[in-house]
Amino acid sequence: MSRTPLHYILGLGSNLGERADLLAQAIRSIGMLPGVQVLAISQAVDSDPVGYSDQPNFLNLCLAIVCDKNPDKLLAETLEIERKLGRERTANRNGPRTLDIDLLFYEGGGWSSPTVTLPHPRWSSRGFVIIPLGNLLQT
């Protein structure tokens, strides 16, 4: 665990159930993690699915936080939030889901481990990240 708080940007999305409510629950859960403070939340955008089109649209947003965790620890904790909010991982990684939380960037620049790579390797090719990220950076 890092002793110096680091800034992160996360991407959140949902396309099953009450999307806005699930995103709000996820934001509250992230903010309740020890050592985490939510700094800013982008506007949510309705987005077409990517990689597998036979599913409902997503509601996506970006979240800026500061925390004292390294990316691997933060990822483990966000995966647990996904699970608690009904995320079921299937063979179709682009399929429908109640919640998806991606680590996009962190203040330390690059990070590579068996579980997480930062910056997120596909962030720049995804409109569902670029649009809310732009909104977040304007706040």
C-alpha atoms as a PDB file:
ATOM      1  CA  MET A   1       0.000   0.000   0.000  1.00  0.00           C
ATOM      2  CA  SER A   2       1.252   3.464  -0.868  1.00  0.00           C
ATOM      3  CA  ARG A   3       1.628   6.046   1.907  1.00  0.00           C
ATOM      4  CA  THR A   4       1.288   9.049  -0.388  1.00  0.00           C
ATOM      5  CA  PRO A   5      -2.242   9.598  -1.719  1.00  0.00           C
ATOM      6  CA  LEU A   6      -2.469   9.258  -5.501  1.00  0.00           C
ATOM      7  CA  HIS A   7      -5.016  10.668  -7.928  1.00  0.00           C
ATOM      8  CA  TYR A   8      -6.878   8.175 -10.118  1.00  0.00           C
ATOM      9  CA  ILE A   9      -9.477   8.415 -12.850  1.00  0.00           C
ATOM     10  CA  LEU A  10     -11.942   5.531 -13.047  1.00  0.00           C
ATOM     11  CA  GLY A  11     -14.476   4.675 -15.732  1.00  0.00           C
ATOM     12  CA  LEU A  12     -17.831   3.268 -14.625  1.00  0.00           C
ATOM     13  CA  GLY A  13     -20.544   1.737 -16.775  1.00  0.00           C
ATOM     14  CA  SER A  14     -23.793  -0.184 -16.436  1.00  0.00           C
ATOM     15  CA  ASN A  15     -26.302  -1.614 -18.906  1.00  0.00           C
ATOM     16  CA  LEU A  16     -28.437  -3.951 -16.796  1.00  0.00           C
ATOM     17  CA  GLY A  17     -31.001  -3.050 -14.179  1.00  0.00           C
ATOM     18  CA  GLU A  18     -31.417   0.491 -12.897  1.00  0.00           C
ATOM     19  CA  ARG A  19     -28.252   1.847 -14.490  1.00  0.00           C
ATOM     20  CA  ALA A  20     -28.178   5.264 -12.813  1.00  0.00           C
ATOM     21  CA  ASP A  21     -28.926   3.768  -9.403  1.00  0.00           C
ATOM     22  CA  LEU A  22     -26.187   1.137  -9.802  1.00  0.00           C
ATOM     23  CA  LEU A  23     -23.671   3.821 -10.763  1.00  0.00           C
ATOM     24  CA  ALA A  24     -24.700   5.931  -7.767  1.00  0.00           C
ATOM     25  CA  GLN A  25     -24.314   2.904  -5.463  1.00  0.00           C
ATOM     26  CA  ALA A  26     -20.879   2.201  -6.963  1.00  0.00           C
ATOM     27  CA  ILE A  27     -19.754   5.806  -6.427  1.00  0.00           C
ATOM     28  CA  ARG A  28     -20.935   5.681  -2.796  1.00  0.00           C
ATOM     29  CA  SER A  29     -19.156   2.344  -2.289  1.00  0.00           C
ATOM     30  CA  ILE A  30     -15.914   3.639  -3.785  1.00  0.00           C
ATOM     31  CA  GLY A  31     -16.116   6.734  -1.587  1.00  0.00           C
ATOM     32  CA  MET A  32     -16.572   4.543   1.496  1.00  0.00           C
ATOM     33  CA  LEU A  33     -13.382   2.547   0.856  1.00  0.00           C
ATOM     34  CA  PRO A  34     -10.777   3.303   3.533  1.00  0.00           C
ATOM     35  CA  GLY A  35      -8.263   5.846   2.260  1.00  0.00           C
ATOM     36  CA  VAL A  36     -10.403   6.945  -0.715  1.00  0.00           C
ATOM     37  CA  GLN A  37     -11.898  10.375  -1.369  1.00  0.00           C
ATOM     38  CA  VAL A  38     -14.120  11.126  -4.377  1.00  0.00           C
ATOM     39  CA  LEU A  39     -13.036  14.408  -5.964  1.00  0.00           C
ATOM     40  CA  ALA A  40     -15.250  14.789  -9.048  1.00  0.00           C
ATOM     41  CA  ILE A  41     -17.899  12.945 -11.044  1.00  0.00           C
ATOM     42  CA  SER A  42     -18.521  13.508 -14.756  1.00  0.00           C
ATOM     43  CA  GLN A  43     -21.925  13.728 -16.340  1.00  0.00           C
ATOM     44  CA  ALA A  44     -23.240  10.308 -17.317  1.00  0.00           C
ATOM     45  CA  VAL A  45     -23.587   9.534 -21.019  1.00  0.00           C
ATOM     46  CA  ASP A  46     -25.737   6.960 -22.782  1.00  0.00           C
ATOM     47  CA  SER A  47     -23.420   4.834 -24.941  1.00  0.00           C
ATOM     48  CA  ASP A  48     -23.770   2.136 -27.558  1.00  0.00           C
ATOM     49  CA  PRO A  49     -22.202  -1.182 -26.550  1.00  0.00           C
ATOM     50  CA  VAL A  50     -18.763  -2.016 -27.975  1.00  0.00           C
ATOM     51  CA  GLY A  51     -17.608  -5.456 -29.046  1.00  0.00           C
ATOM     52  CA  TYR A  52     -21.006  -7.131 -28.698  1.00  0.00           C
ATOM     53  CA  SER A  53     -23.941  -5.129 -30.010  1.00  0.00           C
ATOM     54  CA  ASP A  54     -26.879  -7.393 -29.052  1.00  0.00           C
ATOM     55  CA  GLN A  55     -27.372  -5.809 -25.628  1.00  0.00           C
ATOM     56  CA  PRO A  56     -28.818  -2.643 -24.066  1.00  0.00           C
ATOM     57  CA  ASN A  57     -26.983   0.679 -24.157  1.00  0.00           C
ATOM     58  CA  PHE A  58     -24.621   1.559 -21.332  1.00  0.00           C
ATOM     59  CA  LEU A  59     -24.688   4.511 -19.005  1.00  0.00           C
ATOM     60  CA  ASN A  60     -21.059   5.603 -18.522  1.00  0.00           C
ATOM     61  CA  LEU A  61     -19.242   8.175 -16.427  1.00  0.00           C
ATOM     62  CA  CYS A  62     -15.771   8.986 -15.145  1.00  0.00           C
ATOM     63  CA  LEU A  63     -14.803   9.478 -11.532  1.00  0.00           C
ATOM     64  CA  ALA A  64     -11.754  11.276 -10.107  1.00  0.00           C
ATOM     65  CA  ILE A  65     -10.543  10.019  -6.746  1.00  0.00           C
ATOM     66  CA  VAL A  66      -7.547  10.300  -4.488  1.00  0.00           C
ATOM     67  CA  CYS A  67      -6.457   7.282  -2.451  1.00  0.00           C
ATOM     68  CA  ASP A  68      -3.526   5.704  -0.667  1.00  0.00           C
ATOM     69  CA  LYS A  69      -3.726   2.378  -2.539  1.00  0.00           C
ATOM     70  CA  ASN A  70      -1.573   1.094  -5.345  1.00  0.00           C
ATOM     71  CA  PRO A  71      -3.422   0.139  -8.560  1.00  0.00           C
ATOM     72  CA  ASP A  72      -3.511  -3.598  -7.773  1.00  0.00           C
ATOM     73  CA  LYS A  73      -5.112  -3.018  -4.359  1.00  0.00           C
ATOM     74  CA  LEU A  74      -7.598  -0.499  -5.746  1.00  0.00           C
ATOM     75  CA  LEU A  75      -8.527  -2.887  -8.562  1.00  0.00           C
ATOM     76  CA  ALA A  76      -9.152  -5.718  -6.087  1.00  0.00           C
ATOM     77  CA  GLU A  77     -11.465  -3.479  -4.071  1.00  0.00           C
ATOM     78  CA  THR A  78     -13.379  -2.210  -7.120  1.00  0.00           C
ATOM     79  CA  LEU A  79     -13.832  -5.786  -8.377  1.00  0.00           C
ATOM     80  CA  GLU A  80     -15.428  -6.610  -5.026  1.00  0.00           C
ATOM     81  CA  ILE A  81     -17.790  -3.632  -5.411  1.00  0.00           C
ATOM     82  CA  GLU A  82     -18.763  -4.925  -8.866  1.00  0.00           C
ATOM     83  CA  ARG A  83     -19.466  -8.361  -7.389  1.00  0.00           C
ATOM     84  CA  LYS A  84     -21.555  -6.957  -4.528  1.00  0.00           C
ATOM     85  CA  LEU A  85     -23.633  -4.956  -7.023  1.00  0.00           C
ATOM     86  CA  GLY A  86     -24.481  -8.034  -9.079  1.00  0.00           C
ATOM     87  CA  ARG A  87     -21.677  -8.265 -11.653  1.00  0.00           C
ATOM     88  CA  GLU A  88     -21.378 -11.779 -12.999  1.00  0.00           C
ATOM     89  CA  ARG A  89     -18.307 -12.430 -15.113  1.00  0.00           C
ATOM     90  CA  THR A  90     -18.956 -14.606 -18.155  1.00  0.00           C
ATOM     91  CA  ALA A  91     -16.934 -15.837 -21.116  1.00  0.00           C
ATOM     92  CA  ASN A  92     -18.260 -12.845 -23.095  1.00  0.00           C
ATOM     93  CA  ARG A  93     -16.201 -10.062 -21.521  1.00  0.00           C
ATOM     94  CA  ASN A  94     -18.031  -7.473 -23.676  1.00  0.00           C
ATOM     95  CA  GLY A  95     -21.465  -8.762 -22.706  1.00  0.00           C
ATOM     96  CA  PRO A  96     -24.120  -7.063 -20.597  1.00  0.00           C
ATOM     97  CA  ARG A  97     -23.346  -6.283 -16.969  1.00  0.00           C
ATOM     98  CA  THR A  98     -24.787  -4.519 -13.979  1.00  0.00           C
ATOM     99  CA  LEU A  99     -21.542  -2.703 -13.334  1.00  0.00           C
ATOM    100  CA  ASP A 100     -18.090  -2.272 -14.811  1.00  0.00           C
ATOM    101  CA  ILE A 101     -15.378  -0.287 -13.036  1.00  0.00           C
ATOM    102  CA  ASP A 102     -12.158   0.336 -14.961  1.00  0.00           C
ATOM    103  CA  LEU A 103      -9.024   2.003 -13.677  1.00  0.00           C
ATOM    104  CA  LEU A 104      -8.081   4.397 -16.486  1.00  0.00           C
ATOM    105  CA  PHE A 105      -5.217   6.577 -15.214  1.00  0.00           C
ATOM    106  CA  TYR A 106      -3.269   7.270 -12.085  1.00  0.00           C
ATOM    107  CA  GLU A 107      -0.942   9.998 -10.958  1.00  0.00           C
ATOM    108  CA  GLY A 108       2.055   7.670 -10.993  1.00  0.00           C
ATOM    109  CA  GLY A 109       1.863   7.475 -14.802  1.00  0.00           C
ATOM    110  CA  GLY A 110       2.396   3.921 -15.962  1.00  0.00           C
ATOM    111  CA  TRP A 111       1.715   0.718 -14.052  1.00  0.00           C
ATOM    112  CA  SER A 112       1.918  -2.824 -15.284  1.00  0.00           C
ATOM    113  CA  SER A 113       1.159  -5.960 -13.307  1.00  0.00           C
ATOM    114  CA  PRO A 114      -0.547  -9.267 -14.064  1.00  0.00           C
ATOM    115  CA  THR A 115      -3.896  -7.711 -13.032  1.00  0.00           C
ATOM    116  CA  VAL A 116      -3.847  -4.087 -14.232  1.00  0.00           C
ATOM    117  CA  THR A 117      -2.160  -1.881 -16.826  1.00  0.00           C
ATOM    118  CA  LEU A 118      -2.263   1.901 -16.591  1.00  0.00           C
ATOM    119  CA  PRO A 119      -3.026   3.957 -18.483  1.00  0.00           C
ATOM    120  CA  HIS A 120      -5.849   1.643 -19.573  1.00  0.00           C
ATOM    121  CA  PRO A 121      -4.664   0.260 -22.921  1.00  0.00           C
ATOM    122  CA  ARG A 122      -7.938   0.923 -24.796  1.00  0.00           C
ATOM    123  CA  TRP A 123      -9.140   4.203 -23.265  1.00  0.00           C
ATOM    124  CA  SER A 124      -8.415   6.349 -26.309  1.00  0.00           C
ATOM    125  CA  SER A 125     -10.464   4.194 -28.684  1.00  0.00           C
ATOM    126  CA  ARG A 126     -13.625   4.277 -26.581  1.00  0.00           C
ATOM    127  CA  GLY A 127     -16.080   7.111 -26.942  1.00  0.00           C
ATOM    128  CA  PHE A 128     -17.780   5.969 -23.745  1.00  0.00           C
ATOM    129  CA  VAL A 129     -14.571   6.951 -21.937  1.00  0.00           C
ATOM    130  CA  ILE A 130     -13.509   9.987 -23.978  1.00  0.00           C
ATOM    131  CA  ILE A 131     -16.804  11.898 -23.665  1.00  0.00           C
ATOM    132  CA  PRO A 132     -17.243  11.586 -19.870  1.00  0.00           C
ATOM    133  CA  LEU A 133     -13.496  12.112 -19.395  1.00  0.00           C
ATOM    134  CA  GLY A 134     -13.773  15.400 -21.273  1.00  0.00           C
ATOM    135  CA  ASN A 135     -16.722  16.371 -19.073  1.00  0.00           C
ATOM    136  CA  LEU A 136     -14.755  15.466 -15.951  1.00  0.00           C
ATOM    137  CA  LEU A 137     -11.723  17.505 -16.963  1.00  0.00           C
ATOM    138  CA  GLN A 138     -13.940  20.566 -17.544  1.00  0.00           C
ATOM    139  CA  THR A 139     -15.250  20.515 -13.966  1.00  0.00           C
END
